[in-house]
PDB file of N, CA and C in Angstrom:
ATOM      1  N   MET A   1     -25.189  -7.080 -38.691  1.00  0.00           N
ATOM      2  CA  MET A   1     -24.650  -6.427 -37.947  1.00  0.00           C
ATOM      3  C   MET A   1     -25.449  -6.010 -36.696  1.00  0.00           C
ATOM      4  N   ALA A   2     -25.020  -5.826 -35.515  1.00  0.00           N
ATOM      5  CA  ALA A   2     -25.671  -5.942 -34.032  1.00  0.00           C
ATOM      6  C   ALA A   2     -26.363  -4.651 -34.145  1.00  0.00           C
ATOM      7  N   ASP A   3     -27.519  -4.942 -33.286  1.00  0.00           N
ATOM      8  CA  ASP A   3     -28.272  -3.650 -33.010  1.00  0.00           C
ATOM      9  C   ASP A   3     -27.828  -3.127 -31.644  1.00  0.00           C
ATOM     10  N   PRO A   4     -27.979  -1.636 -31.680  1.00  0.00           N
ATOM     11  CA  PRO A   4     -27.632  -0.997 -30.604  1.00  0.00           C
ATOM     12  C   PRO A   4     -28.226  -1.446 -29.362  1.00  0.00           C
ATOM     13  N   HIS A   5     -27.818  -1.211 -28.312  1.00  0.00           N
ATOM     14  CA  HIS A   5     -28.354  -1.677 -27.061  1.00  0.00           C
ATOM     15  C   HIS A   5     -29.781  -0.826 -26.754  1.00  0.00           C
ATOM     16  N   HIS A   6     -29.894   0.604 -27.033  1.00  0.00           N
ATOM     17  CA  HIS A   6     -30.738   1.104 -27.138  1.00  0.00           C
ATOM     18  C   HIS A   6     -31.107   1.665 -28.336  1.00  0.00           C
ATOM     19  N   ALA A   7     -32.780   1.340 -28.473  1.00  0.00           N
ATOM     20  CA  ALA A   7     -33.011   2.072 -29.912  1.00  0.00           C
ATOM     21  C   ALA A   7     -32.834   3.635 -29.920  1.00  0.00           C
ATOM     22  N   PRO A   8     -32.822   4.098 -31.018  1.00  0.00           N
ATOM     23  CA  PRO A   8     -32.774   5.711 -31.018  1.00  0.00           C
ATOM     24  C   PRO A   8     -33.995   6.296 -30.353  1.00  0.00           C
ATOM     25  N   ASP A   9     -35.145   5.610 -30.453  1.00  0.00           N
ATOM     26  CA  ASP A   9     -36.375   6.161 -30.041  1.00  0.00           C
ATOM     27  C   ASP A   9     -36.613   5.983 -28.733  1.00  0.00           C
ATOM     28  N   ALA A  10     -35.608   5.363 -27.807  1.00  0.00           N
ATOM     29  CA  ALA A  10     -35.837   5.026 -26.491  1.00  0.00           C
ATOM     30  C   ALA A  10     -36.057   6.319 -25.448  1.00  0.00           C
ATOM     31  N   HIS A  11     -36.909   6.094 -24.623  1.00  0.00           N
ATOM     32  CA  HIS A  11     -36.957   7.456 -23.860  1.00  0.00           C
ATOM     33  C   HIS A  11     -36.488   7.122 -22.268  1.00  0.00           C
ATOM     34  N   ASP A  12     -35.225   6.975 -22.160  1.00  0.00           N
ATOM     35  CA  ASP A  12     -34.856   6.456 -20.591  1.00  0.00           C
ATOM     36  C   ASP A  12     -34.511   7.655 -19.830  1.00  0.00           C
ATOM     37  N   GLY A  13     -34.416   8.626 -20.415  1.00  0.00           N
ATOM     38  CA  GLY A  13     -33.886  10.050 -19.667  1.00  0.00           C
ATOM     39  C   GLY A  13     -32.494  10.510 -19.703  1.00  0.00           C
ATOM     40  N   TYR A  14     -31.691   9.415 -20.264  1.00  0.00           N
ATOM     41  CA  TYR A  14     -30.231   9.388 -20.255  1.00  0.00           C
ATOM     42  C   TYR A  14     -29.825  10.534 -21.352  1.00  0.00           C
ATOM     43  N   VAL A  15     -29.135  11.366 -20.886  1.00  0.00           N
ATOM     44  CA  VAL A  15     -28.302  12.381 -21.918  1.00  0.00           C
ATOM     45  C   VAL A  15     -27.000  12.245 -21.831  1.00  0.00           C
ATOM     46  N   ARG A  16     -26.161  11.926 -22.850  1.00  0.00           N
ATOM     47  CA  ARG A  16     -24.687  11.689 -22.865  1.00  0.00           C
ATOM     48  C   ARG A  16     -24.029  12.881 -22.136  1.00  0.00           C
ATOM     49  N   GLY A  17     -23.062  12.788 -21.194  1.00  0.00           N
ATOM     50  CA  GLY A  17     -22.487  13.691 -20.774  1.00  0.00           C
ATOM     51  C   GLY A  17     -23.255  14.592 -19.422  1.00  0.00           C
ATOM     52  N   SER A  18     -24.295  13.981 -19.195  1.00  0.00           N
ATOM     53  CA  SER A  18     -25.036  14.781 -18.069  1.00  0.00           C
ATOM     54  C   SER A  18     -24.623  14.216 -16.707  1.00  0.00           C
ATOM     55  N   GLN A  19     -23.979  12.990 -16.739  1.00  0.00           N
ATOM     56  CA  GLN A  19     -23.852  12.370 -15.351  1.00  0.00           C
ATOM     57  C   GLN A  19     -22.714  13.202 -14.446  1.00  0.00           C
ATOM     58  N   GLU A  20     -22.952  13.091 -13.140  1.00  0.00           N
ATOM     59  CA  GLU A  20     -22.073  13.814 -12.248  1.00  0.00           C
ATOM     60  C   GLU A  20     -20.859  12.945 -11.985  1.00  0.00           C
ATOM     61  N   ILE A  21     -19.571  13.478 -12.175  1.00  0.00           N
ATOM     62  CA  ILE A  21     -18.620  12.730 -12.005  1.00  0.00           C
ATOM     63  C   ILE A  21     -17.406  13.185 -10.909  1.00  0.00           C
ATOM     64  N   SER A  22     -17.756  14.039 -10.035  1.00  0.00           N
ATOM     65  CA  SER A  22     -17.106  14.527  -9.142  1.00  0.00           C
ATOM     66  C   SER A  22     -16.476  13.515  -8.267  1.00  0.00           C
ATOM     67  N   GLU A  23     -17.137  12.234  -7.879  1.00  0.00           N
ATOM     68  CA  GLU A  23     -16.467  11.308  -7.182  1.00  0.00           C
ATOM     69  C   GLU A  23     -15.573  10.638  -7.900  1.00  0.00           C
ATOM     70  N   GLN A  24     -15.563  10.323  -9.344  1.00  0.00           N
ATOM     71  CA  GLN A  24     -14.581   9.677 -10.230  1.00  0.00           C
ATOM     72  C   GLN A  24     -13.494  10.511 -10.046  1.00  0.00           C
ATOM     73  N   ASN A  25     -13.454  11.852 -10.180  1.00  0.00           N
ATOM     74  CA  ASN A  25     -12.226  12.719 -10.498  1.00  0.00           C
ATOM     75  C   ASN A  25     -11.723  12.656  -9.003  1.00  0.00           C
ATOM     76  N   GLN A  26     -12.318  12.856  -7.805  1.00  0.00           N
ATOM     77  CA  GLN A  26     -11.704  12.867  -6.655  1.00  0.00           C
ATOM     78  C   GLN A  26     -10.988  11.446  -6.480  1.00  0.00           C
ATOM     79  N   THR A  27     -11.463  10.257  -6.971  1.00  0.00           N
ATOM     80  CA  THR A  27     -10.796   8.957  -6.620  1.00  0.00           C
ATOM     81  C   THR A  27      -9.530   9.001  -7.782  1.00  0.00           C
ATOM     82  N   PHE A  28      -9.707   9.387  -8.794  1.00  0.00           N
ATOM     83  CA  PHE A  28      -8.481   9.405  -9.717  1.00  0.00           C
ATOM     84  C   PHE A  28      -7.482  10.291  -9.229  1.00  0.00           C
ATOM     85  N   THR A  29      -7.643  11.359  -8.687  1.00  0.00           N
ATOM     86  CA  THR A  29      -6.940  12.245  -7.930  1.00  0.00           C
ATOM     87  C   THR A  29      -6.007  11.759  -6.747  1.00  0.00           C
ATOM     88  N   ALA A  30      -6.850  11.060  -5.974  1.00  0.00           N
ATOM     89  CA  ALA A  30      -6.403  10.169  -4.833  1.00  0.00           C
ATOM     90  C   ALA A  30      -5.332   9.165  -5.388  1.00  0.00           C
ATOM     91  N   PHE A  31      -5.887   8.245  -6.308  1.00  0.00           N
ATOM     92  CA  PHE A  31      -5.102   7.137  -6.963  1.00  0.00           C
ATOM     93  C   PHE A  31      -3.671   7.793  -7.395  1.00  0.00           C
ATOM     94  N   MET A  32      -3.898   8.819  -8.189  1.00  0.00           N
ATOM     95  CA  MET A  32      -2.504   9.420  -8.883  1.00  0.00           C
ATOM     96  C   MET A  32      -1.643   9.850  -7.923  1.00  0.00           C
ATOM     97  N   GLY A  33      -2.120  10.573  -6.742  1.00  0.00           N
ATOM     98  CA  GLY A  33      -1.259  10.764  -5.819  1.00  0.00           C
ATOM     99  C   GLY A  33      -0.677   9.928  -4.804  1.00  0.00           C
ATOM    100  N   LEU A  34      -1.417   8.740  -4.470  1.00  0.00           N
ATOM    101  CA  LEU A  34      -0.763   7.583  -3.779  1.00  0.00           C
ATOM    102  C   LEU A  34       0.221   6.814  -4.806  1.00  0.00           C
ATOM    103  N   THR A  35       0.015   7.212  -6.017  1.00  0.00           N
ATOM    104  CA  THR A  35       1.095   6.255  -6.927  1.00  0.00           C
ATOM    105  C   THR A  35       2.224   7.166  -6.862  1.00  0.00           C
ATOM    106  N   LYS A  36       2.316   8.385  -7.223  1.00  0.00           N
ATOM    107  CA  LYS A  36       3.657   9.146  -7.225  1.00  0.00           C
ATOM    108  C   LYS A  36       4.231   9.152  -5.973  1.00  0.00           C
ATOM    109  N   TRP A  37       3.507   9.536  -4.837  1.00  0.00           N
ATOM    110  CA  TRP A  37       4.352   9.618  -3.585  1.00  0.00           C
ATOM    111  C   TRP A  37       4.751   8.189  -3.223  1.00  0.00           C
ATOM    112  N   GLY A  38       4.042   7.164  -3.563  1.00  0.00           N
ATOM    113  CA  GLY A  38       4.329   5.693  -2.915  1.00  0.00           C
ATOM    114  C   GLY A  38       5.397   5.590  -3.826  1.00  0.00           C
ATOM    115  N   SER A  39       5.505   5.651  -5.118  1.00  0.00           N
ATOM    116  CA  SER A  39       6.622   5.430  -5.933  1.00  0.00           C
ATOM    117  C   SER A  39       7.943   6.175  -5.533  1.00  0.00           C
ATOM    118  N   LEU A  40       7.893   7.468  -5.120  1.00  0.00           N
ATOM    119  CA  LEU A  40       9.220   7.990  -4.677  1.00  0.00           C
ATOM    120  C   LEU A  40       9.487   7.398  -3.152  1.00  0.00           C
ATOM    121  N   ILE A  41       8.528   7.110  -2.204  1.00  0.00           N
ATOM    122  CA  ILE A  41       9.191   6.451  -1.043  1.00  0.00           C
ATOM    123  C   ILE A  41       9.699   4.903  -1.230  1.00  0.00           C
ATOM    124  N   ILE A  42       9.205   4.281  -2.062  1.00  0.00           N
ATOM    125  CA  ILE A  42       9.576   2.969  -2.499  1.00  0.00           C
ATOM    126  C   ILE A  42      11.074   3.247  -3.160  1.00  0.00           C
ATOM    127  N   ALA A  43      11.132   3.966  -3.950  1.00  0.00           N
ATOM    128  CA  ALA A  43      12.560   4.331  -4.817  1.00  0.00           C
ATOM    129  C   ALA A  43      13.773   4.767  -3.758  1.00  0.00           C
ATOM    130  N   ALA A  44      13.386   5.605  -2.735  1.00  0.00           N
ATOM    131  CA  ALA A  44      14.089   6.212  -1.691  1.00  0.00           C
ATOM    132  C   ALA A  44      14.644   5.053  -0.806  1.00  0.00           C
ATOM    133  N   LEU A  45      13.459   4.354  -0.238  1.00  0.00           N
ATOM    134  CA  LEU A  45      13.827   3.109   0.486  1.00  0.00           C
ATOM    135  C   LEU A  45      14.794   2.103  -0.061  1.00  0.00           C
ATOM    136  N   LEU A  46      14.568   1.840  -1.560  1.00  0.00           N
ATOM    137  CA  LEU A  46      15.563   0.920  -2.029  1.00  0.00           C
ATOM    138  C   LEU A  46      16.658   1.587  -2.196  1.00  0.00           C
ATOM    139  N   MET A  47      16.937   2.545  -2.486  1.00  0.00           N
ATOM    140  CA  MET A  47      18.345   3.277  -2.562  1.00  0.00           C
ATOM    141  C   MET A  47      18.971   3.216  -1.383  1.00  0.00           C
ATOM    142  N   PHE A  48      18.349   3.449  -0.204  1.00  0.00           N
ATOM    143  CA  PHE A  48      18.885   3.453   1.115  1.00  0.00           C
ATOM    144  C   PHE A  48      19.531   1.986   1.501  1.00  0.00           C
ATOM    145  N   LEU A  49      18.581   0.968   1.066  1.00  0.00           N
ATOM    146  CA  LEU A  49      18.964  -0.432   1.327  1.00  0.00           C
ATOM    147  C   LEU A  49      20.044  -0.943   0.577  1.00  0.00           C
ATOM    148  N   VAL A  50      20.223  -0.473  -0.762  1.00  0.00           N
ATOM    149  CA  VAL A  50      21.270  -0.940  -1.542  1.00  0.00           C
ATOM    150  C   VAL A  50      22.390  -0.371  -1.146  1.00  0.00           C
ATOM    151  N   LEU A  51      22.554   1.005  -0.914  1.00  0.00           N
ATOM    152  CA  LEU A  51      23.700   1.588  -0.405  1.00  0.00           C
ATOM    153  C   LEU A  51      24.108   1.303   1.005  1.00  0.00           C
ATOM    154  N   TRP A  52      23.280   0.794   1.851  1.00  0.00           N
ATOM    155  CA  TRP A  52      23.484   0.295   3.320  1.00  0.00           C
ATOM    156  C   TRP A  52      24.179  -1.145   3.009  1.00  0.00           C
ATOM    157  N   PHE A  53      23.595  -1.906   2.254  1.00  0.00           N
ATOM    158  CA  PHE A  53      24.094  -3.408   2.349  1.00  0.00           C
ATOM    159  C   PHE A  53      24.909  -3.933   1.357  1.00  0.00           C
ATOM    160  N   GLN A  54      25.423  -2.830   0.567  1.00  0.00           N
ATOM    161  CA  GLN A  54      26.264  -3.305  -0.526  1.00  0.00           C
ATOM    162  C   GLN A  54      27.709  -3.607   0.131  1.00  0.00           C
ATOM    163  N   PRO A  55      28.581  -4.070  -0.608  1.00  0.00           N
ATOM    164  CA  PRO A  55      29.942  -4.351   0.328  1.00  0.00           C
ATOM    165  C   PRO A  55      30.583  -3.087   0.240  1.00  0.00           C
ATOM    166  N   GLY A  56      31.072  -2.615   1.569  1.00  0.00           N
ATOM    167  CA  GLY A  56      31.700  -1.442   1.713  1.00  0.00           C
ATOM    168  C   GLY A  56      30.701  -0.253   2.043  1.00  0.00           C
ATOM    169  N   GLY A  57      29.375  -0.596   2.036  1.00  0.00           N
ATOM    170  CA  GLY A  57      28.246   0.679   2.117  1.00  0.00           C
ATOM    171  C   GLY A  57      28.248   0.937   3.568  1.00  0.00           C
ATOM    172  N   SER A  58      27.501   1.908   3.731  1.00  0.00           N
ATOM    173  CA  SER A  58      27.537   2.389   5.013  1.00  0.00           C
ATOM    174  C   SER A  58      26.104   3.125   5.310  1.00  0.00           C
ATOM    175  N   PHE A  59      25.429   2.931   6.364  1.00  0.00           N
ATOM    176  CA  PHE A  59      24.095   3.359   6.904  1.00  0.00           C
ATOM    177  C   PHE A  59      24.061   4.779   6.412  1.00  0.00           C
ATOM    178  N   VAL A  60      25.023   5.571   6.943  1.00  0.00           N
ATOM    179  CA  VAL A  60      25.217   7.191   6.900  1.00  0.00           C
ATOM    180  C   VAL A  60      25.135   7.385   5.344  1.00  0.00           C
ATOM    181  N   GLY A  61      25.797   6.898   4.630  1.00  0.00           N
ATOM    182  CA  GLY A  61      25.769   7.092   3.184  1.00  0.00           C
ATOM    183  C   GLY A  61      24.405   6.764   2.383  1.00  0.00           C
ATOM    184  N   GLY A  62      24.010   5.671   2.754  1.00  0.00           N
ATOM    185  CA  GLY A  62      22.607   5.572   2.507  1.00  0.00           C
ATOM    186  C   GLY A  62      21.382   6.347   2.713  1.00  0.00           C
ATOM    187  N   ALA A  63      21.523   6.734   4.042  1.00  0.00           N
ATOM    188  CA  ALA A  63      20.537   7.581   4.623  1.00  0.00           C
ATOM    189  C   ALA A  63      20.643   9.025   3.904  1.00  0.00           C
ATOM    190  N   ILE A  64      21.944   9.422   3.673  1.00  0.00           N
ATOM    191  CA  ILE A  64      22.082  10.851   3.070  1.00  0.00           C
ATOM    192  C   ILE A  64      21.457  10.732   1.456  1.00  0.00           C
ATOM    193  N   VAL A  65      21.665   9.838   0.864  1.00  0.00           N
ATOM    194  CA  VAL A  65      21.245   9.544  -0.445  1.00  0.00           C
ATOM    195  C   VAL A  65      19.829   9.736  -0.352  1.00  0.00           C
ATOM    196  N   ALA A  66      19.273   8.734   0.200  1.00  0.00           N
ATOM    197  CA  ALA A  66      17.880   8.550   0.470  1.00  0.00           C
ATOM    198  C   ALA A  66      17.007   9.925   0.648  1.00  0.00           C
ATOM    199  N   PHE A  67      17.580  10.661   1.887  1.00  0.00           N
ATOM    200  CA  PHE A  67      17.027  12.059   2.058  1.00  0.00           C
ATOM    201  C   PHE A  67      17.234  12.974   1.110  1.00  0.00           C
ATOM    202  N   VAL A  68      18.311  13.067   0.130  1.00  0.00           N
ATOM    203  CA  VAL A  68      18.377  13.975  -0.826  1.00  0.00           C
ATOM    204  C   VAL A  68      17.340  13.453  -2.025  1.00  0.00           C
ATOM    205  N   MET A  69      17.193  12.376  -2.174  1.00  0.00           N
ATOM    206  CA  MET A  69      16.189  11.975  -3.165  1.00  0.00           C
ATOM    207  C   MET A  69      14.923  12.203  -2.726  1.00  0.00           C
ATOM    208  N   LEU A  70      14.479  12.048  -1.448  1.00  0.00           N
ATOM    209  CA  LEU A  70      13.047  12.242  -1.169  1.00  0.00           C
ATOM    210  C   LEU A  70      13.025  13.895  -1.216  1.00  0.00           C
ATOM    211  N   VAL A  71      13.900  14.884  -0.705  1.00  0.00           N
ATOM    212  CA  VAL A  71      13.850  16.233  -1.178  1.00  0.00           C
ATOM    213  C   VAL A  71      13.573  16.608  -2.391  1.00  0.00           C
ATOM    214  N   GLY A  72      14.582  16.114  -3.168  1.00  0.00           N
ATOM    215  CA  GLY A  72      14.507  16.255  -4.729  1.00  0.00           C
ATOM    216  C   GLY A  72      12.958  15.889  -5.300  1.00  0.00           C
ATOM    217  N   GLY A  73      12.799  14.613  -5.056  1.00  0.00           N
ATOM    218  CA  GLY A  73      11.651  14.044  -5.399  1.00  0.00           C
ATOM    219  C   GLY A  73      10.238  14.926  -5.085  1.00  0.00           C
ATOM    220  N   PHE A  74      10.247  15.315  -3.646  1.00  0.00           N
ATOM    221  CA  PHE A  74       9.301  16.133  -3.169  1.00  0.00           C
ATOM    222  C   PHE A  74       9.139  17.418  -4.197  1.00  0.00           C
ATOM    223  N   PHE A  75      10.133  18.159  -4.505  1.00  0.00           N
ATOM    224  CA  PHE A  75      10.053  19.441  -5.137  1.00  0.00           C
ATOM    225  C   PHE A  75       9.468  19.022  -6.698  1.00  0.00           C
ATOM    226  N   PHE A  76      10.101  17.804  -7.122  1.00  0.00           N
ATOM    227  CA  PHE A  76      10.054  17.451  -8.477  1.00  0.00           C
ATOM    228  C   PHE A  76       8.436  17.242  -8.626  1.00  0.00           C
ATOM    229  N   LEU A  77       7.822  16.513  -7.635  1.00  0.00           N
ATOM    230  CA  LEU A  77       6.367  15.835  -7.689  1.00  0.00           C
ATOM    231  C   LEU A  77       5.198  16.921  -7.230  1.00  0.00           C
ATOM    232  N   LYS A  78       5.730  17.816  -6.315  1.00  0.00           N
ATOM    233  CA  LYS A  78       4.649  18.655  -5.849  1.00  0.00           C
ATOM    234  C   LYS A  78       3.735  19.104  -7.157  1.00  0.00           C
ATOM    235  N   SER A  79       2.443  19.311  -6.663  1.00  0.00           N
ATOM    236  CA  SER A  79       1.584  20.167  -7.658  1.00  0.00           C
ATOM    237  C   SER A  79       1.912  21.156  -7.936  1.00  0.00           C
ATOM    238  N   GLY A  80       1.602  21.623  -9.249  1.00  0.00           N
ATOM    239  CA  GLY A  80       1.841  22.878  -9.628  1.00  0.00           C
ATOM    240  C   GLY A  80       0.449  23.798  -9.145  1.00  0.00           C
ATOM    241  N   LYS A  81       0.223  24.870  -9.889  1.00  0.00           N
ATOM    242  CA  LYS A  81      -0.786  25.728  -9.682  1.00  0.00           C
ATOM    243  C   LYS A  81      -2.300  25.122 -10.057  1.00  0.00           C
ATOM    244  N   LYS A  82      -3.207  25.135  -9.300  1.00  0.00           N
ATOM    245  CA  LYS A  82      -4.575  24.710  -9.556  1.00  0.00           C
ATOM    246  C   LYS A  82      -5.272  25.572 -10.155  1.00  0.00           C
ATOM    247  N   HIS A  83      -6.138  24.998 -11.334  1.00  0.00           N
ATOM    248  CA  HIS A  83      -6.727  25.768 -12.299  1.00  0.00           C
ATOM    249  C   HIS A  83      -8.002  26.564 -11.633  1.00  0.00           C
TER     250      HIS A  83
END
């Protein structure tokens, strides 16, 4: 069986759970925000283009559906109460 990287009697000063992780939390929060809002924008743009360029489609119809989708998505995806 393999030996652990650090022997139990090693004194390197590291204590599990003591590292500062605020930067990782901020990065994760930013990534999740960009992911959810970017997905909403891509979905609304795709819906707009599909309804505009389909046979018999119209620019106005696609714009209305995309706008409704953006407004609905905004209220659905906005953050709730902060702890």
